[in-house]
């Protein structure tokens, strides 16, 4: 699959993968702060953003998508960074193709299995009748019946696009809904990446716990763990300056 991506800056290549329900736009402001020192590849993963939709959606095919992009762009070795679902893709990729990853950054996700916890979001998104929706305000009002937090609704509605017939989802909502358990899959027991790895957690998030340290050590023996103060799961949106500082420090 030929993924949609945006390339900016100059220097060593740094590939960034967004999380579930996201798109490459989520990382653009951070990329602008890094573009003087790195060539940034901001990628829409399959079934997200402007990348193609497919009935196949799991980490194996997302790893294959990323390898195809690197091969097409002639990138032999990269810095790789991913958030949440994108962090899982990055971990799967680095353990499958360690020779292609110079350094790895994983934002607020661990290698373990995560139970399904997006039901309310999926119910809210699926409740919106796009054929009857006449404005983004109407879509937001419908979503508000399921999700109170304005910031989360604004993030989700970034995936609401328009064509000649009206509103459409950029995400492949039916396939994501059907296969949502794929997002929580754990790394295989034997998966290992021995290169330098930074796990970057939000101090207010529970995605990386003390109990995960054994797994971090097993799969990523050369790892560091840092927490961004006063940040939750969307640490790059809540504390972008702190995330930029940690990325620069680790990649230097």
Protein backbone atom coordinates (compact mmCIF):
# COMPACT_ATOMS: atom_id res chain seq x y z
CA UNK A 1 0.00 0.00 0.00
CA UNK A 2 1.28 3.47 -0.93
CA UNK A 3 0.77 5.54 2.21
CA UNK A 4 0.11 9.25 2.18
CA UNK A 5 2.93 11.19 3.84
CA UNK A 6 4.36 14.67 4.13
CA UNK A 7 8.10 15.35 3.93
CA UNK A 8 9.71 18.48 5.39
CA UNK A 9 13.10 19.62 6.63
CA UNK A 10 16.65 18.42 6.01
CA UNK A 11 19.04 16.11 7.79
CA UNK A 12 18.77 12.54 9.03
CA UNK A 13 15.35 10.99 8.35
CA UNK A 14 12.88 10.91 11.25
CA UNK A 15 9.62 9.05 10.53
CA UNK A 16 6.62 9.84 12.77
CA UNK A 17 3.50 7.65 13.10
CA UNK A 18 0.25 8.98 14.61
CA UNK A 19 -2.13 7.13 16.92
CA UNK A 20 -5.61 5.65 16.54
CA UNK A 21 -8.20 8.01 14.98
CA UNK A 22 -5.35 10.44 14.17
CA UNK A 23 -3.45 11.60 11.12
CA UNK A 24 -0.10 13.08 10.15
CA UNK A 25 -1.47 16.57 10.90
CA UNK A 26 -1.35 15.76 14.63
CA UNK A 27 2.45 16.01 14.55
CA UNK A 28 2.93 18.88 12.10
CA UNK A 29 3.57 21.64 14.65
CA UNK A 30 6.20 19.50 16.39
CA UNK A 31 7.76 18.63 13.03
CA UNK A 32 8.15 22.35 12.22
CA UNK A 33 10.30 22.71 15.34
CA UNK A 34 12.54 19.81 14.29
CA UNK A 35 12.85 20.43 10.54
CA UNK A 36 16.15 22.36 10.75
CA UNK A 37 17.94 19.23 11.95
CA UNK A 38 15.95 16.31 10.47
CA UNK A 39 14.13 15.30 7.33
CA UNK A 40 10.70 14.50 8.73
CA UNK A 41 8.34 11.99 7.20
CA UNK A 42 4.87 12.46 8.69
CA UNK A 43 2.84 9.40 7.73
CA UNK A 44 -0.88 8.61 7.54
CA UNK A 45 -1.21 4.94 8.48
CA UNK A 46 -3.66 2.81 6.50
CA UNK A 47 -7.36 3.52 7.16
CA UNK A 48 -6.42 6.97 8.52
CA UNK A 49 -5.96 10.45 7.08
CA UNK A 50 -5.45 10.49 3.32
CA UNK A 51 -3.98 6.99 3.07
CA UNK A 52 -5.97 4.25 1.32
CA UNK A 53 -8.66 2.23 3.08
CA UNK A 54 -8.42 -1.55 3.34
CA UNK A 55 -10.31 -4.41 4.97
CA UNK A 56 -6.94 -5.63 6.26
CA UNK A 57 -5.90 -3.77 9.38
CA UNK A 58 -3.37 -5.12 11.87
CA UNK A 59 0.21 -4.44 12.90
CA UNK A 60 1.69 -6.91 10.41
CA UNK A 61 0.25 -5.07 7.40
CA UNK A 62 1.06 -1.67 8.94
CA UNK A 63 4.69 -2.79 9.30
CA UNK A 64 4.68 -3.90 5.64
CA UNK A 65 3.21 -0.51 4.64
CA UNK A 66 6.02 1.31 6.44
CA UNK A 67 8.72 -0.89 4.91
CA UNK A 68 7.29 -0.19 1.44
CA UNK A 69 7.42 3.55 2.10
CA UNK A 70 11.05 3.37 3.27
CA UNK A 71 12.01 1.27 0.23
CA UNK A 72 10.23 3.68 -2.13
CA UNK A 73 12.01 6.65 -0.56
CA UNK A 74 15.40 4.91 -0.53
CA UNK A 75 15.69 5.15 3.26
CA UNK A 76 18.13 2.51 4.51
CA UNK A 77 18.15 3.58 8.16
CA UNK A 78 15.88 5.96 10.05
CA UNK A 79 14.97 7.43 13.38
CA UNK A 80 11.47 6.12 14.08
CA UNK A 81 8.86 7.62 16.40
CA UNK A 82 5.25 6.61 17.05
CA UNK A 83 2.46 7.57 19.41
CA UNK A 84 0.01 5.04 20.90
CA UNK A 85 -1.08 2.81 17.97
CA UNK A 86 1.76 4.35 15.96
CA UNK A 87 4.12 3.47 18.80
CA UNK A 88 3.00 -0.14 18.58
CA UNK A 89 3.57 -0.12 14.81
CA UNK A 90 7.04 1.34 15.46
CA UNK A 91 7.84 -1.37 18.03
CA UNK A 92 6.67 -4.14 15.70
CA UNK A 93 8.71 -2.61 12.84
CA UNK A 94 11.91 -2.11 14.87
CA UNK A 95 11.83 -5.69 16.16
CA UNK A 96 11.15 -7.07 12.65
CA UNK A 97 13.70 -4.86 10.84
CA UNK A 98 16.23 -3.72 13.47
CA UNK A 99 18.81 -2.94 10.80
CA UNK A 100 16.51 -0.20 9.42
CA UNK A 101 16.07 1.68 12.74
CA UNK A 102 18.93 3.70 14.22
CA UNK A 103 16.94 4.96 17.22
CA UNK A 104 13.37 4.36 18.35
CA UNK A 105 10.99 6.67 20.25
CA UNK A 106 7.71 5.29 21.60
CA UNK A 107 5.19 7.80 22.95
CA UNK A 108 2.85 6.63 25.74
CA UNK A 109 2.37 2.96 24.94
CA UNK A 110 4.01 -0.25 26.21
CA UNK A 111 4.62 -3.57 24.40
CA UNK A 112 1.89 -5.38 26.38
CA UNK A 113 -1.70 -6.27 25.50
CA UNK A 114 -4.29 -3.55 26.11
CA UNK A 115 -7.97 -4.47 26.52
CA UNK A 116 -10.49 -2.74 24.25
CA UNK A 117 -11.26 0.69 25.73
CA UNK A 118 -12.54 2.78 22.83
CA UNK A 119 -16.16 1.60 22.83
CA UNK A 120 -17.66 4.98 23.77
CA UNK A 121 -15.67 6.79 21.09
CA UNK A 122 -16.70 4.23 18.46
CA UNK A 123 -20.33 4.39 19.53
CA UNK A 124 -20.22 8.17 19.27
CA UNK A 125 -18.58 8.21 15.84
CA UNK A 126 -20.96 5.56 14.51
CA UNK A 127 -23.97 7.48 15.87
CA UNK A 128 -23.35 10.39 13.50
CA UNK A 129 -25.62 10.12 10.45
CA UNK A 130 -23.42 11.71 7.81
CA UNK A 131 -26.20 11.76 5.21
CA UNK A 132 -28.31 13.94 7.49
CA UNK A 133 -25.47 16.04 8.94
CA UNK A 134 -25.39 19.53 7.46
CA UNK A 135 -22.57 21.12 9.48
CA UNK A 136 -19.59 20.30 11.67
CA UNK A 137 -21.54 21.84 14.57
CA UNK A 138 -24.28 19.24 14.07
CA UNK A 139 -21.69 16.46 14.06
CA UNK A 140 -20.15 17.84 17.25
CA UNK A 141 -23.55 18.06 18.95
CA UNK A 142 -24.22 14.40 18.15
CA UNK A 143 -20.78 13.34 19.36
CA UNK A 144 -21.23 15.36 22.59
CA UNK A 145 -23.96 12.92 23.66
CA UNK A 146 -21.18 10.32 24.04
CA UNK A 147 -18.02 12.37 24.73
CA UNK A 148 -18.09 15.33 27.08
CA UNK A 149 -14.51 16.54 26.58
CA UNK A 150 -14.41 19.22 23.88
CA UNK A 151 -10.72 18.60 23.10
CA UNK A 152 -11.30 14.91 22.37
CA UNK A 153 -14.28 15.73 20.14
CA UNK A 154 -12.24 18.31 18.24
CA UNK A 155 -9.46 15.76 17.74
CA UNK A 156 -11.89 13.09 16.47
CA UNK A 157 -13.71 15.49 14.14
CA UNK A 158 -10.43 16.31 12.37
CA UNK A 159 -11.10 13.02 10.57
CA UNK A 160 -14.38 14.34 9.20
CA UNK A 161 -13.87 15.38 5.57
CA UNK A 162 -16.12 16.53 2.75
CA UNK A 163 -16.67 15.51 -0.84
CA UNK A 164 -19.21 16.51 -3.49
CA UNK A 165 -21.92 14.50 -1.71
CA UNK A 166 -21.34 15.87 1.80
CA UNK A 167 -19.45 14.73 4.89
CA UNK A 168 -17.29 11.58 4.86
CA UNK A 169 -14.98 9.95 7.36
CA UNK A 170 -11.30 9.95 6.43
CA UNK A 171 -10.84 7.04 8.84
CA UNK A 172 -12.19 3.66 7.74
CA UNK A 173 -14.74 3.60 10.54
CA UNK A 174 -16.43 0.24 9.72
CA UNK A 175 -13.12 -1.66 9.57
CA UNK A 176 -11.71 0.04 12.69
CA UNK A 177 -14.94 -0.72 14.57
CA UNK A 178 -14.92 -4.37 13.48
CA UNK A 179 -11.21 -4.93 14.20
CA UNK A 180 -10.65 -2.66 17.19
CA UNK A 181 -9.13 -5.51 19.23
CA UNK A 182 -6.14 -5.45 16.83
CA UNK A 183 -4.97 -2.12 18.31
CA UNK A 184 -4.33 -3.66 21.71
CA UNK A 185 -2.26 -6.62 20.52
CA UNK A 186 0.98 -7.30 22.39
CA UNK A 187 4.40 -7.71 20.82
CA UNK A 188 5.29 -11.38 20.21
CA UNK A 189 7.27 -12.96 23.05
CA UNK A 190 10.41 -13.25 20.92
CA UNK A 191 10.30 -9.69 19.55
CA UNK A 192 13.43 -7.71 20.38
CA UNK A 193 15.11 -4.45 19.33
CA UNK A 194 18.51 -3.83 20.91
CA UNK A 195 19.02 -0.31 19.56
CA UNK A 196 18.64 2.88 21.65
CA UNK A 197 14.97 3.28 22.59
CA UNK A 198 13.16 6.08 24.40
CA UNK A 199 9.77 5.44 25.98
CA UNK A 200 8.08 8.77 26.58
CA UNK A 201 5.07 8.70 28.87
CA UNK A 202 2.60 11.28 30.09
CA UNK A 203 2.79 11.68 33.88
CA UNK A 204 -1.03 11.83 34.07
CA UNK A 205 -1.53 8.84 31.78
CA UNK A 206 -1.82 5.18 32.83
CA UNK A 207 -0.65 3.72 29.52
CA UNK A 208 2.88 3.03 30.84
CA UNK A 209 2.91 1.55 34.35
CA UNK A 210 5.57 0.38 36.79
CA UNK A 211 4.49 -3.19 35.97
CA UNK A 212 5.50 -2.63 32.32
CA UNK A 213 9.21 -2.20 33.10
CA UNK A 214 9.89 -5.95 32.86
CA UNK A 215 8.46 -5.99 29.32
CA UNK A 216 10.42 -2.88 28.32
CA UNK A 217 13.63 -4.54 29.48
CA UNK A 218 12.81 -7.86 27.74
CA UNK A 219 11.92 -6.42 24.34
CA UNK A 220 14.07 -3.24 24.37
CA UNK A 221 17.16 -3.90 26.53
CA UNK A 222 18.72 -0.54 25.58
CA UNK A 223 15.77 1.56 26.71
CA UNK A 224 15.26 4.81 28.60
CA UNK A 225 11.99 5.89 30.20
CA UNK A 226 11.02 9.54 30.67
CA UNK A 227 7.72 11.05 31.76
CA UNK A 228 6.45 14.41 30.54
CA UNK A 229 5.08 16.33 33.54
CA UNK A 230 1.45 17.48 33.53
CA UNK A 231 0.64 15.53 30.37
CA UNK A 232 -1.85 12.78 29.66
CA UNK A 233 -2.02 10.31 26.78
CA UNK A 234 -1.97 13.06 24.10
CA UNK A 235 1.30 14.41 25.47
CA UNK A 236 2.37 15.91 22.12
CA UNK A 237 -0.77 18.08 22.07
CA UNK A 238 -0.70 18.97 25.78
CA UNK A 239 3.05 19.62 26.25
CA UNK A 240 4.60 19.99 22.77
CA UNK A 241 7.64 21.96 24.00
CA UNK A 242 8.54 19.26 26.50
CA UNK A 243 8.13 16.50 23.89
CA UNK A 244 10.34 18.42 21.43
CA UNK A 245 13.01 18.85 24.11
CA UNK A 246 13.02 15.11 24.95
CA UNK A 247 13.20 14.14 21.26
CA UNK A 248 16.10 16.51 20.59
CA UNK A 249 17.99 15.31 23.67
CA UNK A 250 17.58 11.64 22.74
CA UNK A 251 18.43 11.96 19.06
CA UNK A 252 21.40 14.29 19.49
